[in-house]
Amino acid sequence: RDWTYRELESAVHRTARRLEAAGISPDDRVAAFGANSDAFAI
């Protein structure tokens, strides 16, 4: 899978909005555990 800059920015924006909706705020400490992947990079 190749991601263009446009696709990457869109995916990052959507993910950030979902995280905000889940209650994540600036300066919150966050962690995720999993294998290296494009999803983890996003």
PDB file of all heavy atoms in Angstrom:
ATOM      1  N   ARG A   1       0.840  -1.208   0.000  1.00  0.00           N
ATOM      2  CA  ARG A   1       0.000   0.000   0.000  1.00  0.00           C
ATOM      3  C   ARG A   1       0.866   1.245   0.000  1.00  0.00           C
ATOM      4  O   ARG A   1       1.746   1.396   0.834  1.00  0.00           O
ATOM      5  CB  ARG A   1      -0.906  -0.003   1.237  1.00  0.00           C
ATOM      6  CG  ARG A   1      -1.693   1.266   1.489  1.00  0.00           C
ATOM      7  CD  ARG A   1      -2.856   1.411   0.515  1.00  0.00           C
ATOM      8  NE  ARG A   1      -3.880   2.291   1.029  1.00  0.00           N
ATOM      9  CZ  ARG A   1      -4.043   3.557   0.638  1.00  0.00           C
ATOM     10  NH1 ARG A   1      -3.235   4.088  -0.251  1.00  0.00           N
ATOM     11  NH2 ARG A   1      -5.015   4.285   1.144  1.00  0.00           N
ATOM     12  N   ASP A   2       0.625   2.118  -0.976  1.00  0.00           N
ATOM     13  CA  ASP A   2       1.264   3.423  -1.019  1.00  0.00           C
ATOM     14  C   ASP A   2       0.234   4.483  -0.637  1.00  0.00           C
ATOM     15  O   ASP A   2      -0.919   4.431  -1.079  1.00  0.00           O
ATOM     16  CB  ASP A   2       1.775   3.749  -2.428  1.00  0.00           C
ATOM     17  CG  ASP A   2       2.999   2.949  -2.820  1.00  0.00           C
ATOM     18  OD1 ASP A   2       3.571   2.274  -1.950  1.00  0.00           O
ATOM     19  OD2 ASP A   2       3.370   3.014  -3.997  1.00  0.00           O
ATOM     20  N   TRP A   3       0.641   5.448   0.174  1.00  0.00           N
ATOM     21  CA  TRP A   3      -0.204   6.569   0.590  1.00  0.00           C
ATOM     22  C   TRP A   3       0.373   7.857  -0.009  1.00  0.00           C
ATOM     23  O   TRP A   3       1.554   8.148   0.203  1.00  0.00           O
ATOM     24  CB  TRP A   3      -0.202   6.706   2.112  1.00  0.00           C
ATOM     25  CG  TRP A   3      -0.845   5.579   2.836  1.00  0.00           C
ATOM     26  CD1 TRP A   3      -0.293   4.365   3.133  1.00  0.00           C
ATOM     27  CD2 TRP A   3      -2.162   5.551   3.364  1.00  0.00           C
ATOM     28  NE1 TRP A   3      -1.180   3.597   3.818  1.00  0.00           N
ATOM     29  CE2 TRP A   3      -2.346   4.297   3.976  1.00  0.00           C
ATOM     30  CE3 TRP A   3      -3.201   6.472   3.396  1.00  0.00           C
ATOM     31  CZ2 TRP A   3      -3.534   3.941   4.599  1.00  0.00           C
ATOM     32  CZ3 TRP A   3      -4.390   6.125   4.014  1.00  0.00           C
ATOM     33  CH2 TRP A   3      -4.545   4.866   4.609  1.00  0.00           C
ATOM     34  N   THR A   4      -0.443   8.611  -0.725  1.00  0.00           N
ATOM     35  CA  THR A   4       0.004   9.917  -1.188  1.00  0.00           C
ATOM     36  C   THR A   4      -0.083  10.888  -0.013  1.00  0.00           C
ATOM     37  O   THR A   4      -0.722  10.599   1.006  1.00  0.00           O
ATOM     38  CB  THR A   4      -0.875  10.455  -2.331  1.00  0.00           C
ATOM     39  OG1 THR A   4      -2.189  10.709  -1.828  1.00  0.00           O
ATOM     40  CG2 THR A   4      -0.908   9.486  -3.516  1.00  0.00           C
ATOM     41  N   TYR A   5       0.542  12.046  -0.182  1.00  0.00           N
ATOM     42  CA  TYR A   5       0.439  13.049   0.880  1.00  0.00           C
ATOM     43  C   TYR A   5      -1.015  13.443   1.115  1.00  0.00           C
ATOM     44  O   TYR A   5      -1.438  13.630   2.251  1.00  0.00           O
ATOM     45  CB  TYR A   5       1.283  14.290   0.555  1.00  0.00           C
ATOM     46  CG  TYR A   5       2.732  14.090   0.893  1.00  0.00           C
ATOM     47  CD1 TYR A   5       3.675  13.880  -0.104  1.00  0.00           C
ATOM     48  CD2 TYR A   5       3.161  14.085   2.214  1.00  0.00           C
ATOM     49  CE1 TYR A   5       5.004  13.693   0.210  1.00  0.00           C
ATOM     50  CE2 TYR A   5       4.488  13.896   2.537  1.00  0.00           C
ATOM     51  CZ  TYR A   5       5.403  13.702   1.534  1.00  0.00           C
ATOM     52  OH  TYR A   5       6.719  13.506   1.856  1.00  0.00           O
ATOM     53  N   ARG A   6      -1.799  13.564   0.048  1.00  0.00           N
ATOM     54  CA  ARG A   6      -3.214  13.932   0.192  1.00  0.00           C
ATOM     55  C   ARG A   6      -3.972  12.854   0.982  1.00  0.00           C
ATOM     56  O   ARG A   6      -4.731  13.169   1.899  1.00  0.00           O
ATOM     57  CB  ARG A   6      -3.859  14.144  -1.168  1.00  0.00           C
ATOM     58  CG  ARG A   6      -5.328  14.557  -1.072  1.00  0.00           C
ATOM     59  CD  ARG A   6      -5.994  14.767  -2.422  1.00  0.00           C
ATOM     60  NE  ARG A   6      -5.372  15.879  -3.114  1.00  0.00           N
ATOM     61  CZ  ARG A   6      -4.803  15.803  -4.328  1.00  0.00           C
ATOM     62  NH1 ARG A   6      -4.778  14.663  -4.980  1.00  0.00           N
ATOM     63  NH2 ARG A   6      -4.276  16.861  -4.882  1.00  0.00           N
ATOM     64  N   GLU A   7      -3.749  11.587   0.637  1.00  0.00           N
ATOM     65  CA  GLU A   7      -4.420  10.491   1.347  1.00  0.00           C
ATOM     66  C   GLU A   7      -3.974  10.421   2.802  1.00  0.00           C
ATOM     67  O   GLU A   7      -4.804  10.204   3.696  1.00  0.00           O
ATOM     68  CB  GLU A   7      -4.120   9.157   0.662  1.00  0.00           C
ATOM     69  CG  GLU A   7      -4.730   9.001  -0.697  1.00  0.00           C
ATOM     70  CD  GLU A   7      -4.190   7.792  -1.446  1.00  0.00           C
ATOM     71  OE1 GLU A   7      -3.023   7.389  -1.227  1.00  0.00           O
ATOM     72  OE2 GLU A   7      -4.953   7.253  -2.261  1.00  0.00           O
ATOM     73  N   LEU A   8      -2.683  10.592   3.018  1.00  0.00           N
ATOM     74  CA  LEU A   8      -2.156  10.539   4.379  1.00  0.00           C
ATOM     75  C   LEU A   8      -2.747  11.657   5.234  1.00  0.00           C
ATOM     76  O   LEU A   8      -3.201  11.419   6.352  1.00  0.00           O
ATOM     77  CB  LEU A   8      -0.631  10.619   4.359  1.00  0.00           C
ATOM     78  CG  LEU A   8       0.073  10.491   5.703  1.00  0.00           C
ATOM     79  CD1 LEU A   8      -0.205   9.137   6.343  1.00  0.00           C
ATOM     80  CD2 LEU A   8       1.578  10.700   5.518  1.00  0.00           C
ATOM     81  N   GLU A   9      -2.756  12.884   4.708  1.00  0.00           N
ATOM     82  CA  GLU A   9      -3.328  14.002   5.469  1.00  0.00           C
ATOM     83  C   GLU A   9      -4.801  13.749   5.793  1.00  0.00           C
ATOM     84  O   GLU A   9      -5.247  13.985   6.921  1.00  0.00           O
ATOM     85  CB  GLU A   9      -3.190  15.310   4.698  1.00  0.00           C
ATOM     86  CG  GLU A   9      -3.773  16.480   5.480  1.00  0.00           C
ATOM     87  CD  GLU A   9      -3.886  17.746   4.669  1.00  0.00           C
ATOM     88  OE1 GLU A   9      -4.275  17.674   3.496  1.00  0.00           O
ATOM     89  OE2 GLU A   9      -3.599  18.806   5.233  1.00  0.00           O
ATOM     90  N   SER A  10      -5.552  13.239   4.833  1.00  0.00           N
ATOM     91  CA  SER A  10      -6.972  12.953   5.059  1.00  0.00           C
ATOM     92  C   SER A  10      -7.156  11.895   6.147  1.00  0.00           C
ATOM     93  O   SER A  10      -7.990  12.038   7.047  1.00  0.00           O
ATOM     94  CB  SER A  10      -7.613  12.487   3.748  1.00  0.00           C
ATOM     95  OG  SER A  10      -8.961  12.172   3.937  1.00  0.00           O
ATOM     96  N   ALA A  11      -6.368  10.820   6.087  1.00  0.00           N
ATOM     97  CA  ALA A  11      -6.462   9.760   7.089  1.00  0.00           C
ATOM     98  C   ALA A  11      -6.061  10.273   8.470  1.00  0.00           C
ATOM     99  O   ALA A  11      -6.703   9.944   9.479  1.00  0.00           O
ATOM    100  CB  ALA A  11      -5.588   8.573   6.687  1.00  0.00           C
ATOM    101  N   VAL A  12      -5.013  11.088   8.538  1.00  0.00           N
ATOM    102  CA  VAL A  12      -4.570  11.653   9.817  1.00  0.00           C
ATOM    103  C   VAL A  12      -5.653  12.557  10.383  1.00  0.00           C
ATOM    104  O   VAL A  12      -5.976  12.494  11.577  1.00  0.00           O
ATOM    105  CB  VAL A  12      -3.232  12.414   9.642  1.00  0.00           C
ATOM    106  CG1 VAL A  12      -2.911  13.264  10.859  1.00  0.00           C
ATOM    107  CG2 VAL A  12      -2.107  11.422   9.371  1.00  0.00           C
ATOM    108  N   HIS A  13      -6.261  13.396   9.543  1.00  0.00           N
ATOM    109  CA  HIS A  13      -7.317  14.302   9.991  1.00  0.00           C
ATOM    110  C   HIS A  13      -8.528  13.514  10.529  1.00  0.00           C
ATOM    111  O   HIS A  13      -9.031  13.809  11.614  1.00  0.00           O
ATOM    112  CB  HIS A  13      -7.742  15.218   8.842  1.00  0.00           C
ATOM    113  CG  HIS A  13      -8.827  16.165   9.205  1.00  0.00           C
ATOM    114  ND1 HIS A  13      -8.598  17.297   9.952  1.00  0.00           N
ATOM    115  CD2 HIS A  13     -10.153  16.144   8.945  1.00  0.00           C
ATOM    116  CE1 HIS A  13      -9.744  17.938  10.132  1.00  0.00           C
ATOM    117  NE2 HIS A  13     -10.695  17.255   9.528  1.00  0.00           N
ATOM    118  N   ARG A  14      -8.969  12.506   9.778  1.00  0.00           N
ATOM    119  CA  ARG A  14     -10.116  11.681  10.230  1.00  0.00           C
ATOM    120  C   ARG A  14      -9.811  11.003  11.559  1.00  0.00           C
ATOM    121  O   ARG A  14     -10.641  10.963  12.467  1.00  0.00           O
ATOM    122  CB  ARG A  14     -10.451  10.617   9.180  1.00  0.00           C
ATOM    123  CG  ARG A  14     -11.261  11.094   8.025  1.00  0.00           C
ATOM    124  CD  ARG A  14     -11.813   9.929   7.178  1.00  0.00           C
ATOM    125  NE  ARG A  14     -10.860   8.863   6.926  1.00  0.00           N
ATOM    126  CZ  ARG A  14      -9.985   8.847   5.923  1.00  0.00           C
ATOM    127  NH1 ARG A  14      -9.922   9.856   5.086  1.00  0.00           N
ATOM    128  NH2 ARG A  14      -9.176   7.820   5.764  1.00  0.00           N
ATOM    129  N   THR A  15      -8.607  10.457  11.674  1.00  0.00           N
ATOM    130  CA  THR A  15      -8.215   9.763  12.904  1.00  0.00           C
ATOM    131  C   THR A  15      -8.163  10.730  14.077  1.00  0.00           C
ATOM    132  O   THR A  15      -8.646  10.418  15.177  1.00  0.00           O
ATOM    133  CB  THR A  15      -6.868   9.052  12.703  1.00  0.00           C
ATOM    134  OG1 THR A  15      -6.981   8.151  11.594  1.00  0.00           O
ATOM    135  CG2 THR A  15      -6.454   8.294  13.944  1.00  0.00           C
ATOM    136  N   ALA A  16      -7.604  11.912  13.864  1.00  0.00           N
ATOM    137  CA  ALA A  16      -7.532  12.914  14.939  1.00  0.00           C
ATOM    138  C   ALA A  16      -8.941  13.309  15.392  1.00  0.00           C
ATOM    139  O   ALA A  16      -9.187  13.465  16.594  1.00  0.00           O
ATOM    140  CB  ALA A  16      -6.756  14.138  14.468  1.00  0.00           C
ATOM    141  N   ARG A  17      -9.870  13.487  14.464  1.00  0.00           N
ATOM    142  CA  ARG A  17     -11.257  13.844  14.842  1.00  0.00           C
ATOM    143  C   ARG A  17     -11.897  12.723  15.673  1.00  0.00           C
ATOM    144  O   ARG A  17     -12.607  12.986  16.641  1.00  0.00           O
ATOM    145  CB  ARG A  17     -12.123  14.111  13.608  1.00  0.00           C
ATOM    146  CG  ARG A  17     -11.706  15.289  12.734  1.00  0.00           C
ATOM    147  CD  ARG A  17     -11.639  16.661  13.369  1.00  0.00           C
ATOM    148  NE  ARG A  17     -10.568  16.917  14.297  1.00  0.00           N
ATOM    149  CZ  ARG A  17      -9.308  17.262  14.007  1.00  0.00           C
ATOM    150  NH1 ARG A  17      -8.928  17.381  12.775  1.00  0.00           N
ATOM    151  NH2 ARG A  17      -8.416  17.478  14.957  1.00  0.00           N
ATOM    152  N   ARG A  18     -11.633  11.473  15.302  1.00  0.00           N
ATOM    153  CA  ARG A  18     -12.182  10.341  16.072  1.00  0.00           C
ATOM    154  C   ARG A  18     -11.571  10.289  17.476  1.00  0.00           C
ATOM    155  O   ARG A  18     -12.270   9.992  18.449  1.00  0.00           O
ATOM    156  CB  ARG A  18     -11.942   9.037  15.335  1.00  0.00           C
ATOM    157  CG  ARG A  18     -12.808   8.895  14.106  1.00  0.00           C
ATOM    158  CD  ARG A  18     -12.560   7.596  13.399  1.00  0.00           C
ATOM    159  NE  ARG A  18     -13.423   7.493  12.236  1.00  0.00           N
ATOM    160  CZ  ARG A  18     -13.140   6.775  11.188  1.00  0.00           C
ATOM    161  NH1 ARG A  18     -12.031   6.062  11.135  1.00  0.00           N
ATOM    162  NH2 ARG A  18     -13.970   6.728  10.167  1.00  0.00           N
ATOM    163  N   LEU A  19     -10.283  10.567  17.565  1.00  0.00           N
ATOM    164  CA  LEU A  19      -9.639  10.581  18.885  1.00  0.00           C
ATOM    165  C   LEU A  19     -10.200  11.704  19.751  1.00  0.00           C
ATOM    166  O   LEU A  19     -10.450  11.503  20.943  1.00  0.00           O
ATOM    167  CB  LEU A  19      -8.124  10.744  18.723  1.00  0.00           C
ATOM    168  CG  LEU A  19      -7.404   9.564  18.075  1.00  0.00           C
ATOM    169  CD1 LEU A  19      -5.983   9.954  17.699  1.00  0.00           C
ATOM    170  CD2 LEU A  19      -7.418   8.348  18.982  1.00  0.00           C
ATOM    171  N   GLU A  20     -10.412  12.863  19.172  1.00  0.00           N
ATOM    172  CA  GLU A  20     -11.022  13.978  19.916  1.00  0.00           C
ATOM    173  C   GLU A  20     -12.422  13.606  20.380  1.00  0.00           C
ATOM    174  O   GLU A  20     -12.801  13.886  21.519  1.00  0.00           O
ATOM    175  CB  GLU A  20     -11.061  15.237  19.053  1.00  0.00           C
ATOM    176  CG  GLU A  20      -9.704  15.870  18.876  1.00  0.00           C
ATOM    177  CD  GLU A  20      -9.707  17.016  17.878  1.00  0.00           C
ATOM    178  OE1 GLU A  20     -10.702  17.212  17.147  1.00  0.00           O
ATOM    179  OE2 GLU A  20      -8.686  17.729  17.826  1.00  0.00           O
ATOM    180  N   ALA A  21     -13.198  12.959  19.510  1.00  0.00           N
ATOM    181  CA  ALA A  21     -14.545  12.530  19.879  1.00  0.00           C
ATOM    182  C   ALA A  21     -14.515  11.508  21.012  1.00  0.00           C
ATOM    183  O   ALA A  21     -15.444  11.440  21.825  1.00  0.00           O
ATOM    184  CB  ALA A  21     -15.268  11.946  18.664  1.00  0.00           C
ATOM    185  N   ALA A  22     -13.431  10.750  21.092  1.00  0.00           N
ATOM    186  CA  ALA A  22     -13.275   9.755  22.164  1.00  0.00           C
ATOM    187  C   ALA A  22     -12.738  10.380  23.448  1.00  0.00           C
ATOM    188  O   ALA A  22     -12.584   9.690  24.451  1.00  0.00           O
ATOM    189  CB  ALA A  22     -12.344   8.637  21.699  1.00  0.00           C
ATOM    190  N   GLY A  23     -12.449  11.692  23.416  1.00  0.00           N
ATOM    191  CA  GLY A  23     -12.027  12.369  24.634  1.00  0.00           C
ATOM    192  C   GLY A  23     -10.539  12.653  24.750  1.00  0.00           C
ATOM    193  O   GLY A  23     -10.087  13.157  25.776  1.00  0.00           O
ATOM    194  N   ILE A  24      -9.756  12.354  23.719  1.00  0.00           N
ATOM    195  CA  ILE A  24      -8.328  12.659  23.759  1.00  0.00           C
ATOM    196  C   ILE A  24      -8.158  14.151  23.495  1.00  0.00           C
ATOM    197  O   ILE A  24      -8.737  14.692  22.563  1.00  0.00           O
ATOM    198  CB  ILE A  24      -7.543  11.842  22.718  1.00  0.00           C
ATOM    199  CG1 ILE A  24      -7.763  10.346  22.912  1.00  0.00           C
ATOM    200  CG2 ILE A  24      -6.061  12.198  22.741  1.00  0.00           C
ATOM    201  CD1 ILE A  24      -7.267   9.801  24.227  1.00  0.00           C
ATOM    202  N   SER A  25      -7.343  14.806  24.322  1.00  0.00           N
ATOM    203  CA  SER A  25      -7.126  16.256  24.229  1.00  0.00           C
ATOM    204  C   SER A  25      -5.642  16.558  24.104  1.00  0.00           C
ATOM    205  O   SER A  25      -4.803  15.711  24.415  1.00  0.00           O
ATOM    206  CB  SER A  25      -7.656  16.945  25.496  1.00  0.00           C
ATOM    207  OG  SER A  25      -9.015  16.686  25.668  1.00  0.00           O
ATOM    208  N   PRO A  26      -5.295  17.793  23.678  1.00  0.00           N
ATOM    209  CA  PRO A  26      -3.884  18.171  23.661  1.00  0.00           C
ATOM    210  C   PRO A  26      -3.256  17.941  25.036  1.00  0.00           C
ATOM    211  O   PRO A  26      -3.908  18.126  26.065  1.00  0.00           O
ATOM    212  CB  PRO A  26      -3.917  19.662  23.312  1.00  0.00           C
ATOM    213  CG  PRO A  26      -5.176  19.812  22.517  1.00  0.00           C
ATOM    214  CD  PRO A  26      -6.159  18.858  23.160  1.00  0.00           C
ATOM    215  N   ASP A  27      -2.025  17.509  25.034  1.00  0.00           N
ATOM    216  CA  ASP A  27      -1.223  17.211  26.219  1.00  0.00           C
ATOM    217  C   ASP A  27      -1.607  15.916  26.923  1.00  0.00           C
ATOM    218  O   ASP A  27      -0.953  15.544  27.902  1.00  0.00           O
ATOM    219  CB  ASP A  27      -1.213  18.368  27.220  1.00  0.00           C
ATOM    220  CG  ASP A  27      -0.580  19.624  26.645  1.00  0.00           C
ATOM    221  OD1 ASP A  27       0.430  19.482  25.913  1.00  0.00           O
ATOM    222  OD2 ASP A  27      -1.082  20.720  26.904  1.00  0.00           O
ATOM    223  N   ASP A  28      -2.658  15.218  26.472  1.00  0.00           N
ATOM    224  CA  ASP A  28      -2.948  13.889  27.027  1.00  0.00           C
ATOM    225  C   ASP A  28      -1.806  12.952  26.655  1.00  0.00           C
ATOM    226  O   ASP A  28      -1.195  13.077  25.594  1.00  0.00           O
ATOM    227  CB  ASP A  28      -4.247  13.315  26.454  1.00  0.00           C
ATOM    228  CG  ASP A  28      -5.480  13.838  27.149  1.00  0.00           C
ATOM    229  OD1 ASP A  28      -5.352  14.593  28.135  1.00  0.00           O
ATOM    230  OD2 ASP A  28      -6.591  13.501  26.688  1.00  0.00           O
ATOM    231  N   ARG A  29      -1.507  12.010  27.528  1.00  0.00           N
ATOM    232  CA  ARG A  29      -0.521  10.966  27.252  1.00  0.00           C
ATOM    233  C   ARG A  29      -1.275   9.801  26.637  1.00  0.00           C
ATOM    234  O   ARG A  29      -2.300   9.376  27.173  1.00  0.00           O
ATOM    235  CB  ARG A  29       0.171  10.493  28.528  1.00  0.00           C
ATOM    236  CG  ARG A  29       1.082  11.464  29.286  1.00  0.00           C
ATOM    237  CD  ARG A  29       1.529  12.615  28.515  1.00  0.00           C
ATOM    238  NE  ARG A  29       2.500  13.442  29.243  1.00  0.00           N
ATOM    239  CZ  ARG A  29       2.425  14.752  29.267  1.00  0.00           C
ATOM    240  NH1 ARG A  29       1.432  15.388  28.679  1.00  0.00           N
ATOM    241  NH2 ARG A  29       3.354  15.461  29.857  1.00  0.00           N
ATOM    242  N   VAL A  30      -0.773   9.306  25.505  1.00  0.00           N
ATOM    243  CA  VAL A  30      -1.452   8.229  24.786  1.00  0.00           C
ATOM    244  C   VAL A  30      -0.465   7.137  24.426  1.00  0.00           C
ATOM    245  O   VAL A  30       0.730   7.392  24.283  1.00  0.00           O
ATOM    246  CB  VAL A  30      -2.142   8.768  23.509  1.00  0.00           C
ATOM    247  CG1 VAL A  30      -3.304   9.691  23.862  1.00  0.00           C
ATOM    248  CG2 VAL A  30      -1.152   9.502  22.616  1.00  0.00           C
ATOM    249  N   ALA A  31      -0.967   5.916  24.287  1.00  0.00           N
ATOM    250  CA  ALA A  31      -0.131   4.788  23.899  1.00  0.00           C
ATOM    251  C   ALA A  31      -0.959   3.815  23.089  1.00  0.00           C
ATOM    252  O   ALA A  31      -2.174   3.737  23.254  1.00  0.00           O
ATOM    253  CB  ALA A  31       0.431   4.092  25.140  1.00  0.00           C
ATOM    254  N   ALA A  32      -0.309   3.116  22.224  1.00  0.00           N
ATOM    255  CA  ALA A  32      -0.948   2.036  21.464  1.00  0.00           C
ATOM    256  C   ALA A  32       0.081   0.923  21.342  1.00  0.00           C
ATOM    257  O   ALA A  32       1.287   1.176  21.303  1.00  0.00           O
ATOM    258  CB  ALA A  32      -1.369   2.517  20.086  1.00  0.00           C
ATOM    259  N   PHE A  33      -0.399  -0.272  21.281  1.00  0.00           N
ATOM    260  CA  PHE A  33       0.479  -1.421  21.203  1.00  0.00           C
ATOM    261  C   PHE A  33       0.080  -2.248  19.997  1.00  0.00           C
ATOM    262  O   PHE A  33      -1.090  -2.529  19.795  1.00  0.00           O
ATOM    263  CB  PHE A  33       0.393  -2.252  22.490  1.00  0.00           C
ATOM    264  CG  PHE A  33       0.724  -1.417  23.694  1.00  0.00           C
ATOM    265  CD1 PHE A  33      -0.274  -0.794  24.414  1.00  0.00           C
ATOM    266  CD2 PHE A  33       2.043  -1.219  24.066  1.00  0.00           C
ATOM    267  CE1 PHE A  33       0.025   0.009  25.500  1.00  0.00           C
ATOM    268  CE2 PHE A  33       2.351  -0.407  25.149  1.00  0.00           C
ATOM    269  CZ  PHE A  33       1.344   0.204  25.863  1.00  0.00           C
ATOM    270  N   GLY A  34       1.052  -2.582  19.169  1.00  0.00           N
ATOM    271  CA  GLY A  34       0.794  -3.375  17.981  1.00  0.00           C
ATOM    272  C   GLY A  34       2.028  -3.429  17.111  1.00  0.00           C
ATOM    273  O   GLY A  34       3.059  -2.835  17.425  1.00  0.00           O
ATOM    274  N   ALA A  35       1.886  -4.101  16.007  1.00  0.00           N
ATOM    275  CA  ALA A  35       2.995  -4.243  15.072  1.00  0.00           C
ATOM    276  C   ALA A  35       3.152  -2.974  14.237  1.00  0.00           C
ATOM    277  O   ALA A  35       2.210  -2.192  14.103  1.00  0.00           O
ATOM    278  CB  ALA A  35       2.731  -5.431  14.156  1.00  0.00           C
ATOM    279  N   ASN A  36       4.359  -2.775  13.698  1.00  0.00           N
ATOM    280  CA  ASN A  36       4.559  -1.671  12.769  1.00  0.00           C
ATOM    281  C   ASN A  36       3.587  -1.812  11.604  1.00  0.00           C
ATOM    282  O   ASN A  36       3.391  -2.901  11.082  1.00  0.00           O
ATOM    283  CB  ASN A  36       5.986  -1.689  12.216  1.00  0.00           C
ATOM    284  CG  ASN A  36       6.996  -1.210  13.221  1.00  0.00           C
ATOM    285  OD1 ASN A  36       6.673  -0.481  14.141  1.00  0.00           O
ATOM    286  ND2 ASN A  36       8.236  -1.620  13.040  1.00  0.00           N
ATOM    287  N   SER A  37       2.963  -0.703  11.230  1.00  0.00           N
ATOM    288  CA  SER A  37       2.017  -0.718  10.121  1.00  0.00           C
ATOM    289  C   SER A  37       1.748   0.707   9.675  1.00  0.00           C
ATOM    290  O   SER A  37       2.089   1.662  10.376  1.00  0.00           O
ATOM    291  CB  SER A  37       0.693  -1.376  10.547  1.00  0.00           C
ATOM    292  OG  SER A  37       0.027  -0.547  11.484  1.00  0.00           O
ATOM    293  N   ASP A  38       1.078   0.835   8.535  1.00  0.00           N
ATOM    294  CA  ASP A  38       0.663   2.153   8.091  1.00  0.00           C
ATOM    295  C   ASP A  38      -0.387   2.713   9.056  1.00  0.00           C
ATOM    296  O   ASP A  38      -0.393   3.910   9.347  1.00  0.00           O
ATOM    297  CB  ASP A  38       0.161   2.140   6.652  1.00  0.00           C
ATOM    298  CG  ASP A  38      -0.855   1.056   6.358  1.00  0.00           C
ATOM    299  OD1 ASP A  38      -1.119   0.186   7.219  1.00  0.00           O
ATOM    300  OD2 ASP A  38      -1.389   1.061   5.232  1.00  0.00           O
ATOM    301  N   ALA A  39      -1.232   1.868   9.602  1.00  0.00           N
ATOM    302  CA  ALA A  39      -2.243   2.325  10.562  1.00  0.00           C
ATOM    303  C   ALA A  39      -1.591   2.920  11.803  1.00  0.00           C
ATOM    304  O   ALA A  39      -2.040   3.955  12.322  1.00  0.00           O
ATOM    305  CB  ALA A  39      -3.168   1.168  10.945  1.00  0.00           C
ATOM    306  N   PHE A  40      -0.514   2.298  12.285  1.00  0.00           N
ATOM    307  CA  PHE A  40       0.168   2.833  13.454  1.00  0.00           C
ATOM    308  C   PHE A  40       0.820   4.177  13.129  1.00  0.00           C
ATOM    309  O   PHE A  40       0.784   5.106  13.929  1.00  0.00           O
ATOM    310  CB  PHE A  40       1.211   1.853  13.994  1.00  0.00           C
ATOM    311  CG  PHE A  40       1.743   2.263  15.332  1.00  0.00           C
ATOM    312  CD1 PHE A  40       1.078   1.920  16.488  1.00  0.00           C
ATOM    313  CD2 PHE A  40       2.886   3.031  15.437  1.00  0.00           C
ATOM    314  CE1 PHE A  40       1.547   2.322  17.730  1.00  0.00           C
ATOM    315  CE2 PHE A  40       3.368   3.441  16.672  1.00  0.00           C
ATOM    316  CZ  PHE A  40       2.691   3.079  17.823  1.00  0.00           C
ATOM    317  N   ALA A  41       1.410   4.300  11.931  1.00  0.00           N
ATOM    318  CA  ALA A  41       2.014   5.579  11.521  1.00  0.00           C
ATOM    319  C   ALA A  41       0.948   6.675  11.471  1.00  0.00           C
ATOM    320  O   ALA A  41       1.179   7.799  11.932  1.00  0.00           O
ATOM    321  CB  ALA A  41       2.698   5.429  10.167  1.00  0.00           C
ATOM    322  N   ILE A  42      -0.221   6.359  10.942  1.00  0.00           N
ATOM    323  CA  ILE A  42      -1.321   7.334  10.873  1.00  0.00           C
ATOM    324  C   ILE A  42      -1.777   7.707  12.273  1.00  0.00           C
ATOM    325  O   ILE A  42      -2.000   8.889  12.570  1.00  0.00           O
ATOM    326  CB  ILE A  42      -2.477   6.780  10.018  1.00  0.00           C
ATOM    327  CG1 ILE A  42      -2.044   6.746   8.550  1.00  0.00           C
ATOM    328  CG2 ILE A  42      -3.752   7.606  10.201  1.00  0.00           C
ATOM    329  CD1 ILE A  42      -2.926   5.924   7.657  1.00  0.00           C
TER     330      ILE A  42
END
